[in-house]
């Protein structure tokens, strides 16, 4: 696992019931994560089943601008929590 993926899991593990979107994770990381690579790492973590994702539903989605798409929300899984708890 890459260091940035570990940062993502550790952030999510602080609030395991919370759903995050990518920019929130970037802001919470204190500049450890960057806009250009966050989604690559999120996809990798999802492939490993350490996180799950979904698109915003109709009630959550309020377009801030007509060209803005629904956000993908990410949540740590039980397997992801186990990974964070495991010794490195």
PDB file of N, CA and C in Angstrom:
ATOM      1  N   UNK A   1       0.842  -1.176   0.000  1.00  0.00           N
ATOM      2  CA  UNK A   1       0.000   0.000   0.000  1.00  0.00           C
ATOM      3  C   UNK A   1       0.887   1.238   0.000  1.00  0.00           C
ATOM      4  N   UNK A   2       0.493   2.215  -0.788  1.00  0.00           N
ATOM      5  CA  UNK A   2       1.225   3.474  -0.868  1.00  0.00           C
ATOM      6  C   UNK A   2       0.994   4.312   0.388  1.00  0.00           C
ATOM      7  N   UNK A   3       1.930   5.178   0.686  1.00  0.00           N
ATOM      8  CA  UNK A   3       1.841   6.052   1.858  1.00  0.00           C
ATOM      9  C   UNK A   3       0.578   6.917   1.811  1.00  0.00           C
ATOM     10  N   UNK A   4       0.244   7.435   0.648  1.00  0.00           N
ATOM     11  CA  UNK A   4      -0.936   8.302   0.531  1.00  0.00           C
ATOM     12  C   UNK A   4      -2.222   7.515   0.773  1.00  0.00           C
ATOM     13  N   UNK A   5      -2.229   6.258   0.391  1.00  0.00           N
ATOM     14  CA  UNK A   5      -3.393   5.424   0.660  1.00  0.00           C
ATOM     15  C   UNK A   5      -3.548   5.194   2.158  1.00  0.00           C
ATOM     16  N   UNK A   6      -2.437   5.046   2.836  1.00  0.00           N
ATOM     17  CA  UNK A   6      -2.467   4.910   4.295  1.00  0.00           C
ATOM     18  C   UNK A   6      -3.024   6.184   4.928  1.00  0.00           C
ATOM     19  N   UNK A   7      -2.622   7.344   4.423  1.00  0.00           N
ATOM     20  CA  UNK A   7      -3.135   8.622   4.930  1.00  0.00           C
ATOM     21  C   UNK A   7      -4.659   8.668   4.770  1.00  0.00           C
ATOM     22  N   UNK A   8      -5.139   8.266   3.621  1.00  0.00           N
ATOM     23  CA  UNK A   8      -6.587   8.263   3.366  1.00  0.00           C
ATOM     24  C   UNK A   8      -7.301   7.365   4.366  1.00  0.00           C
ATOM     25  N   UNK A   9      -6.809   6.145   4.544  1.00  0.00           N
ATOM     26  CA  UNK A   9      -7.450   5.221   5.476  1.00  0.00           C
ATOM     27  C   UNK A   9      -7.418   5.744   6.904  1.00  0.00           C
ATOM     28  N   UNK A  10      -6.305   6.328   7.306  1.00  0.00           N
ATOM     29  CA  UNK A  10      -6.214   6.870   8.664  1.00  0.00           C
ATOM     30  C   UNK A  10      -7.185   8.018   8.883  1.00  0.00           C
ATOM     31  N   UNK A  11      -7.344   8.873   7.881  1.00  0.00           N
ATOM     32  CA  UNK A  11      -8.325   9.956   7.991  1.00  0.00           C
ATOM     33  C   UNK A  11      -9.741   9.392   8.124  1.00  0.00           C
ATOM     34  N   UNK A  12     -10.065   8.444   7.272  1.00  0.00           N
ATOM     35  CA  UNK A  12     -11.404   7.865   7.297  1.00  0.00           C
ATOM     36  C   UNK A  12     -11.676   7.102   8.590  1.00  0.00           C
ATOM     37  N   UNK A  13     -10.651   6.464   9.127  1.00  0.00           N
ATOM     38  CA  UNK A  13     -10.820   5.672  10.354  1.00  0.00           C
ATOM     39  C   UNK A  13     -11.140   6.543  11.564  1.00  0.00           C
ATOM     40  N   UNK A  14     -10.794   7.821  11.504  1.00  0.00           N
ATOM     41  CA  UNK A  14     -11.114   8.725  12.608  1.00  0.00           C
ATOM     42  C   UNK A  14     -12.619   8.894  12.778  1.00  0.00           C
ATOM     43  N   UNK A  15     -13.353   8.774  11.674  1.00  0.00           N
ATOM     44  CA  UNK A  15     -14.816   8.875  11.692  1.00  0.00           C
ATOM     45  C   UNK A  15     -15.369   7.772  10.780  1.00  0.00           C
ATOM     46  N   UNK A  16     -15.379   6.527  11.242  1.00  0.00           N
ATOM     47  CA  UNK A  16     -15.703   5.407  10.354  1.00  0.00           C
ATOM     48  C   UNK A  16     -17.117   5.414   9.763  1.00  0.00           C
ATOM     49  N   UNK A  17     -18.036   6.113  10.368  1.00  0.00           N
ATOM     50  CA  UNK A  17     -19.389   6.135   9.817  1.00  0.00           C
ATOM     51  C   UNK A  17     -19.596   7.267   8.805  1.00  0.00           C
ATOM     52  N   UNK A  18     -18.619   8.123   8.685  1.00  0.00           N
ATOM     53  CA  UNK A  18     -18.729   9.287   7.791  1.00  0.00           C
ATOM     54  C   UNK A  18     -18.440   8.903   6.340  1.00  0.00           C
ATOM     55  N   UNK A  19     -19.146   9.562   5.447  1.00  0.00           N
ATOM     56  CA  UNK A  19     -18.861   9.459   4.018  1.00  0.00           C
ATOM     57  C   UNK A  19     -18.119  10.728   3.605  1.00  0.00           C
ATOM     58  N   UNK A  20     -17.033  10.542   2.879  1.00  0.00           N
ATOM     59  CA  UNK A  20     -16.174  11.640   2.467  1.00  0.00           C
ATOM     60  C   UNK A  20     -16.233  11.803   0.968  1.00  0.00           C
ATOM     61  N   UNK A  21     -16.037  13.002   0.493  1.00  0.00           N
ATOM     62  CA  UNK A  21     -15.762  13.173  -0.928  1.00  0.00           C
ATOM     63  C   UNK A  21     -14.303  13.607  -1.056  1.00  0.00           C
ATOM     64  N   UNK A  22     -13.748  13.457  -2.243  1.00  0.00           N
ATOM     65  CA  UNK A  22     -12.322  13.622  -2.450  1.00  0.00           C
ATOM     66  C   UNK A  22     -11.739  14.922  -1.938  1.00  0.00           C
ATOM     67  N   UNK A  23     -12.394  16.046  -2.222  1.00  0.00           N
ATOM     68  CA  UNK A  23     -11.845  17.341  -1.791  1.00  0.00           C
ATOM     69  C   UNK A  23     -11.830  17.484  -0.274  1.00  0.00           C
ATOM     70  N   UNK A  24     -12.780  16.858   0.408  1.00  0.00           N
ATOM     71  CA  UNK A  24     -12.761  16.883   1.875  1.00  0.00           C
ATOM     72  C   UNK A  24     -11.519  16.174   2.416  1.00  0.00           C
ATOM     73  N   UNK A  25     -11.185  15.063   1.790  1.00  0.00           N
ATOM     74  CA  UNK A  25     -10.000  14.316   2.217  1.00  0.00           C
ATOM     75  C   UNK A  25      -8.728  15.134   1.982  1.00  0.00           C
ATOM     76  N   UNK A  26      -8.681  15.818   0.849  1.00  0.00           N
ATOM     77  CA  UNK A  26      -7.520  16.659   0.555  1.00  0.00           C
ATOM     78  C   UNK A  26      -7.388  17.744   1.623  1.00  0.00           C
ATOM     79  N   UNK A  27      -8.477  18.417   1.937  1.00  0.00           N
ATOM     80  CA  UNK A  27      -8.451  19.484   2.938  1.00  0.00           C
ATOM     81  C   UNK A  27      -8.065  18.956   4.320  1.00  0.00           C
ATOM     82  N   UNK A  28      -8.568  17.785   4.679  1.00  0.00           N
ATOM     83  CA  UNK A  28      -8.300  17.218   6.001  1.00  0.00           C
ATOM     84  C   UNK A  28      -6.876  16.676   6.136  1.00  0.00           C
ATOM     85  N   UNK A  29      -6.197  16.480   5.028  1.00  0.00           N
ATOM     86  CA  UNK A  29      -4.871  15.843   5.052  1.00  0.00           C
ATOM     87  C   UNK A  29      -3.717  16.799   5.349  1.00  0.00           C
ATOM     88  N   UNK A  30      -3.991  18.060   5.495  1.00  0.00           N
ATOM     89  CA  UNK A  30      -2.926  19.044   5.721  1.00  0.00           C
ATOM     90  C   UNK A  30      -1.847  18.971   4.638  1.00  0.00           C
ATOM     91  N   UNK A  31      -2.297  18.975   3.397  1.00  0.00           N
ATOM     92  CA  UNK A  31      -1.433  19.003   2.213  1.00  0.00           C
ATOM     93  C   UNK A  31      -0.644  17.716   1.958  1.00  0.00           C
ATOM     94  N   UNK A  32      -1.029  16.615   2.607  1.00  0.00           N
ATOM     95  CA  UNK A  32      -0.379  15.338   2.329  1.00  0.00           C
ATOM     96  C   UNK A  32      -0.964  14.708   1.056  1.00  0.00           C
ATOM     97  N   UNK A  33      -2.195  15.074   0.739  1.00  0.00           N
ATOM     98  CA  UNK A  33      -2.863  14.559  -0.456  1.00  0.00           C
ATOM     99  C   UNK A  33      -3.029  15.693  -1.451  1.00  0.00           C
ATOM    100  N   UNK A  34      -3.019  15.349  -2.727  1.00  0.00           N
ATOM    101  CA  UNK A  34      -3.122  16.345  -3.788  1.00  0.00           C
ATOM    102  C   UNK A  34      -4.282  16.019  -4.710  1.00  0.00           C
ATOM    103  N   UNK A  35      -4.793  17.047  -5.301  1.00  0.00           N
ATOM    104  CA  UNK A  35      -5.932  16.938  -6.199  1.00  0.00           C
ATOM    105  C   UNK A  35      -5.652  16.025  -7.400  1.00  0.00           C
ATOM    106  N   UNK A  36      -4.447  16.044  -7.912  1.00  0.00           N
ATOM    107  CA  UNK A  36      -4.123  15.287  -9.112  1.00  0.00           C
ATOM    108  C   UNK A  36      -4.056  13.783  -8.942  1.00  0.00           C
ATOM    109  N   UNK A  37      -3.906  13.308  -7.693  1.00  0.00           N
ATOM    110  CA  UNK A  37      -3.745  11.869  -7.496  1.00  0.00           C
ATOM    111  C   UNK A  37      -4.749  11.236  -6.545  1.00  0.00           C
ATOM    112  N   UNK A  38      -5.529  12.012  -5.851  1.00  0.00           N
ATOM    113  CA  UNK A  38      -6.414  11.453  -4.830  1.00  0.00           C
ATOM    114  C   UNK A  38      -7.339  10.375  -5.392  1.00  0.00           C
ATOM    115  N   UNK A  39      -7.892  10.601  -6.573  1.00  0.00           N
ATOM    116  CA  UNK A  39      -8.875   9.662  -7.099  1.00  0.00           C
ATOM    117  C   UNK A  39      -8.235   8.354  -7.563  1.00  0.00           C
ATOM    118  N   UNK A  40      -6.975   8.404  -7.958  1.00  0.00           N
ATOM    119  CA  UNK A  40      -6.244   7.176  -8.292  1.00  0.00           C
ATOM    120  C   UNK A  40      -6.109   6.323  -7.030  1.00  0.00           C
ATOM    121  N   UNK A  41      -5.758   6.958  -5.927  1.00  0.00           N
ATOM    122  CA  UNK A  41      -5.606   6.231  -4.662  1.00  0.00           C
ATOM    123  C   UNK A  41      -6.947   5.733  -4.140  1.00  0.00           C
ATOM    124  N   UNK A  42      -7.988   6.532  -4.273  1.00  0.00           N
ATOM    125  CA  UNK A  42      -9.308   6.088  -3.834  1.00  0.00           C
ATOM    126  C   UNK A  42      -9.768   4.875  -4.640  1.00  0.00           C
ATOM    127  N   UNK A  43      -9.528   4.890  -5.932  1.00  0.00           N
ATOM    128  CA  UNK A  43      -9.901   3.752  -6.770  1.00  0.00           C
ATOM    129  C   UNK A  43      -9.127   2.501  -6.364  1.00  0.00           C
ATOM    130  N   UNK A  44      -7.859   2.659  -6.083  1.00  0.00           N
ATOM    131  CA  UNK A  44      -7.040   1.529  -5.655  1.00  0.00           C
ATOM    132  C   UNK A  44      -7.544   0.952  -4.331  1.00  0.00           C
ATOM    133  N   UNK A  45      -7.858   1.817  -3.390  1.00  0.00           N
ATOM    134  CA  UNK A  45      -8.385   1.360  -2.104  1.00  0.00           C
ATOM    135  C   UNK A  45      -9.731   0.666  -2.258  1.00  0.00           C
ATOM    136  N   UNK A  46     -10.533   1.152  -3.182  1.00  0.00           N
ATOM    137  CA  UNK A  46     -11.822   0.509  -3.426  1.00  0.00           C
ATOM    138  C   UNK A  46     -11.616  -0.868  -4.064  1.00  0.00           C
ATOM    139  N   UNK A  47     -10.665  -0.982  -4.972  1.00  0.00           N
ATOM    140  CA  UNK A  47     -10.347  -2.280  -5.583  1.00  0.00           C
ATOM    141  C   UNK A  47      -9.924  -3.292  -4.518  1.00  0.00           C
ATOM    142  N   UNK A  48      -9.217  -2.822  -3.484  1.00  0.00           N
ATOM    143  CA  UNK A  48      -8.777  -3.685  -2.389  1.00  0.00           C
ATOM    144  C   UNK A  48      -9.888  -3.948  -1.369  1.00  0.00           C
ATOM    145  N   UNK A  49     -11.019  -3.280  -1.547  1.00  0.00           N
ATOM    146  CA  UNK A  49     -12.185  -3.371  -0.657  1.00  0.00           C
ATOM    147  C   UNK A  49     -11.937  -2.760   0.725  1.00  0.00           C
ATOM    148  N   UNK A  50     -10.983  -1.823   0.795  1.00  0.00           N
ATOM    149  CA  UNK A  50     -10.731  -1.098   2.032  1.00  0.00           C
ATOM    150  C   UNK A  50     -11.702   0.065   2.200  1.00  0.00           C
ATOM    151  N   UNK A  51     -12.259   0.520   1.095  1.00  0.00           N
ATOM    152  CA  UNK A  51     -13.295   1.551   1.124  1.00  0.00           C
ATOM    153  C   UNK A  51     -14.392   1.156   0.146  1.00  0.00           C
ATOM    154  N   UNK A  52     -15.545   1.770   0.308  1.00  0.00           N
ATOM    155  CA  UNK A  52     -16.643   1.612  -0.650  1.00  0.00           C
ATOM    156  C   UNK A  52     -17.057   3.002  -1.105  1.00  0.00           C
ATOM    157  N   UNK A  53     -17.798   3.066  -2.199  1.00  0.00           N
ATOM    158  CA  UNK A  53     -18.229   4.379  -2.685  1.00  0.00           C
ATOM    159  C   UNK A  53     -19.625   4.300  -3.272  1.00  0.00           C
ATOM    160  N   UNK A  54     -20.210   5.482  -3.404  1.00  0.00           N
ATOM    161  CA  UNK A  54     -21.511   5.618  -4.052  1.00  0.00           C
ATOM    162  C   UNK A  54     -21.642   7.047  -4.557  1.00  0.00           C
ATOM    163  N   UNK A  55     -22.543   7.252  -5.500  1.00  0.00           N
ATOM    164  CA  UNK A  55     -22.839   8.601  -5.969  1.00  0.00           C
ATOM    165  C   UNK A  55     -23.893   9.229  -5.079  1.00  0.00           C
ATOM    166  N   UNK A  56     -23.831  10.541  -4.946  1.00  0.00           N
ATOM    167  CA  UNK A  56     -24.874  11.257  -4.202  1.00  0.00           C
ATOM    168  C   UNK A  56     -26.233  10.902  -4.777  1.00  0.00           C
ATOM    169  N   UNK A  57     -27.232  10.788  -3.911  1.00  0.00           N
ATOM    170  CA  UNK A  57     -28.585  10.549  -4.401  1.00  0.00           C
ATOM    171  C   UNK A  57     -29.281  11.884  -4.680  1.00  0.00           C
ATOM    172  N   UNK A  58     -30.506  11.826  -5.181  1.00  0.00           N
ATOM    173  CA  UNK A  58     -31.226  13.041  -5.591  1.00  0.00           C
ATOM    174  C   UNK A  58     -31.386  14.048  -4.454  1.00  0.00           C
ATOM    175  N   UNK A  59     -31.634  13.558  -3.236  1.00  0.00           N
ATOM    176  CA  UNK A  59     -31.838  14.476  -2.113  1.00  0.00           C
ATOM    177  C   UNK A  59     -30.542  15.184  -1.711  1.00  0.00           C
ATOM    178  N   UNK A  60     -29.417  14.501  -1.855  1.00  0.00           N
ATOM    179  CA  UNK A  60     -28.134  15.084  -1.474  1.00  0.00           C
ATOM    180  C   UNK A  60     -27.573  16.018  -2.542  1.00  0.00           C
ATOM    181  N   UNK A  61     -27.940  15.722  -3.769  1.00  0.00           N
ATOM    182  CA  UNK A  61     -27.344  16.446  -4.894  1.00  0.00           C
ATOM    183  C   UNK A  61     -28.060  17.764  -5.111  1.00  0.00           C
ATOM    184  N   UNK A  62     -27.331  18.819  -4.922  1.00  0.00           N
ATOM    185  CA  UNK A  62     -27.844  20.152  -5.202  1.00  0.00           C
ATOM    186  C   UNK A  62     -26.795  20.834  -6.066  1.00  0.00           C
ATOM    187  N   UNK A  63     -27.038  20.879  -7.362  1.00  0.00           N
ATOM    188  CA  UNK A  63     -25.999  21.422  -8.238  1.00  0.00           C
ATOM    189  C   UNK A  63     -25.605  22.840  -7.842  1.00  0.00           C
ATOM    190  N   UNK A  64     -24.335  23.004  -7.671  1.00  0.00           N
ATOM    191  CA  UNK A  64     -23.800  24.319  -7.349  1.00  0.00           C
ATOM    192  C   UNK A  64     -23.609  25.116  -8.625  1.00  0.00           C
ATOM    193  N   UNK A  65     -23.584  24.402  -9.735  1.00  0.00           N
ATOM    194  CA  UNK A  65     -23.454  24.983 -11.061  1.00  0.00           C
ATOM    195  C   UNK A  65     -23.954  23.927 -12.035  1.00  0.00           C
ATOM    196  N   UNK A  66     -24.612  24.312 -13.123  1.00  0.00           N
ATOM    197  CA  UNK A  66     -25.178  23.311 -14.036  1.00  0.00           C
ATOM    198  C   UNK A  66     -24.182  22.273 -14.562  1.00  0.00           C
ATOM    199  N   UNK A  67     -22.921  22.620 -14.652  1.00  0.00           N
ATOM    200  CA  UNK A  67     -21.944  21.676 -15.200  1.00  0.00           C
ATOM    201  C   UNK A  67     -21.340  20.753 -14.139  1.00  0.00           C
ATOM    202  N   UNK A  68     -21.682  20.936 -12.882  1.00  0.00           N
ATOM    203  CA  UNK A  68     -21.110  20.122 -11.812  1.00  0.00           C
ATOM    204  C   UNK A  68     -21.881  18.815 -11.683  1.00  0.00           C
ATOM    205  N   UNK A  69     -21.134  17.732 -11.685  1.00  0.00           N
ATOM    206  CA  UNK A  69     -21.733  16.398 -11.582  1.00  0.00           C
ATOM    207  C   UNK A  69     -21.931  16.004 -10.121  1.00  0.00           C
ATOM    208  N   UNK A  70     -22.657  14.930  -9.945  1.00  0.00           N
ATOM    209  CA  UNK A  70     -22.824  14.381  -8.592  1.00  0.00           C
ATOM    210  C   UNK A  70     -21.458  13.963  -8.049  1.00  0.00           C
ATOM    211  N   UNK A  71     -21.296  14.129  -6.764  1.00  0.00           N
ATOM    212  CA  UNK A  71     -20.035  13.723  -6.141  1.00  0.00           C
ATOM    213  C   UNK A  71     -20.087  12.241  -5.786  1.00  0.00           C
ATOM    214  N   UNK A  72     -18.937  11.625  -5.807  1.00  0.00           N
ATOM    215  CA  UNK A  72     -18.794  10.252  -5.331  1.00  0.00           C
ATOM    216  C   UNK A  72     -18.383  10.343  -3.871  1.00  0.00           C
ATOM    217  N   UNK A  73     -19.096   9.613  -3.023  1.00  0.00           N
ATOM    218  CA  UNK A  73     -18.831   9.602  -1.586  1.00  0.00           C
ATOM    219  C   UNK A  73     -18.142   8.300  -1.217  1.00  0.00           C
ATOM    220  N   UNK A  74     -17.149   8.387  -0.355  1.00  0.00           N
ATOM    221  CA  UNK A  74     -16.326   7.237   0.020  1.00  0.00           C
ATOM    222  C   UNK A  74     -16.434   6.986   1.519  1.00  0.00           C
ATOM    223  N   UNK A  75     -16.419   5.703   1.878  1.00  0.00           N
ATOM    224  CA  UNK A  75     -16.527   5.315   3.282  1.00  0.00           C
ATOM    225  C   UNK A  75     -15.607   4.130   3.531  1.00  0.00           C
ATOM    226  N   UNK A  76     -14.947   4.141   4.670  1.00  0.00           N
ATOM    227  CA  UNK A  76     -14.055   3.039   5.016  1.00  0.00           C
ATOM    228  C   UNK A  76     -14.881   1.796   5.357  1.00  0.00           C
ATOM    229  N   UNK A  77     -14.375   0.642   4.983  1.00  0.00           N
ATOM    230  CA  UNK A  77     -15.050  -0.628   5.272  1.00  0.00           C
ATOM    231  C   UNK A  77     -14.419  -1.264   6.517  1.00  0.00           C
ATOM    232  N   UNK A  78     -15.011  -2.342   6.968  1.00  0.00           N
ATOM    233  CA  UNK A  78     -14.446  -3.079   8.098  1.00  0.00           C
ATOM    234  C   UNK A  78     -13.041  -3.574   7.770  1.00  0.00           C
ATOM    235  N   UNK A  79     -12.859  -4.030   6.553  1.00  0.00           N
ATOM    236  CA  UNK A  79     -11.539  -4.486   6.119  1.00  0.00           C
ATOM    237  C   UNK A  79     -10.527  -3.329   6.147  1.00  0.00           C
ATOM    238  N   UNK A  80     -10.966  -2.147   5.758  1.00  0.00           N
ATOM    239  CA  UNK A  80     -10.103  -0.970   5.818  1.00  0.00           C
ATOM    240  C   UNK A  80      -9.730  -0.604   7.241  1.00  0.00           C
ATOM    241  N   UNK A  81     -10.686  -0.725   8.159  1.00  0.00           N
ATOM    242  CA  UNK A  81     -10.400  -0.453   9.566  1.00  0.00           C
ATOM    243  C   UNK A  81      -9.390  -1.463  10.113  1.00  0.00           C
ATOM    244  N   UNK A  82      -9.517  -2.708   9.688  1.00  0.00           N
ATOM    245  CA  UNK A  82      -8.555  -3.733  10.119  1.00  0.00           C
ATOM    246  C   UNK A  82      -7.164  -3.402   9.585  1.00  0.00           C
ATOM    247  N   UNK A  83      -7.097  -2.909   8.362  1.00  0.00           N
ATOM    248  CA  UNK A  83      -5.815  -2.547   7.754  1.00  0.00           C
ATOM    249  C   UNK A  83      -5.144  -1.418   8.524  1.00  0.00           C
ATOM    250  N   UNK A  84      -5.923  -0.432   8.953  1.00  0.00           N
ATOM    251  CA  UNK A  84      -5.370   0.689   9.729  1.00  0.00           C
ATOM    252  C   UNK A  84      -4.855   0.187  11.080  1.00  0.00           C
ATOM    253  N   UNK A  85      -5.572  -0.741  11.690  1.00  0.00           N
ATOM    254  CA  UNK A  85      -5.194  -1.256  13.005  1.00  0.00           C
ATOM    255  C   UNK A  85      -3.997  -2.204  12.957  1.00  0.00           C
ATOM    256  N   UNK A  86      -3.733  -2.776  11.790  1.00  0.00           N
ATOM    257  CA  UNK A  86      -2.630  -3.739  11.649  1.00  0.00           C
ATOM    258  C   UNK A  86      -1.289  -3.023  11.761  1.00  0.00           C
ATOM    259  N   UNK A  87      -0.310  -3.675  12.357  1.00  0.00           N
ATOM    260  CA  UNK A  87       1.030  -3.065  12.418  1.00  0.00           C
ATOM    261  C   UNK A  87       1.607  -2.906  11.016  1.00  0.00           C
ATOM    262  N   UNK A  88       2.358  -1.858  10.823  1.00  0.00           N
ATOM    263  CA  UNK A  88       2.938  -1.583   9.489  1.00  0.00           C
ATOM    264  C   UNK A  88       4.195  -2.381   9.258  1.00  0.00           C
TER     265      UNK A  88
END
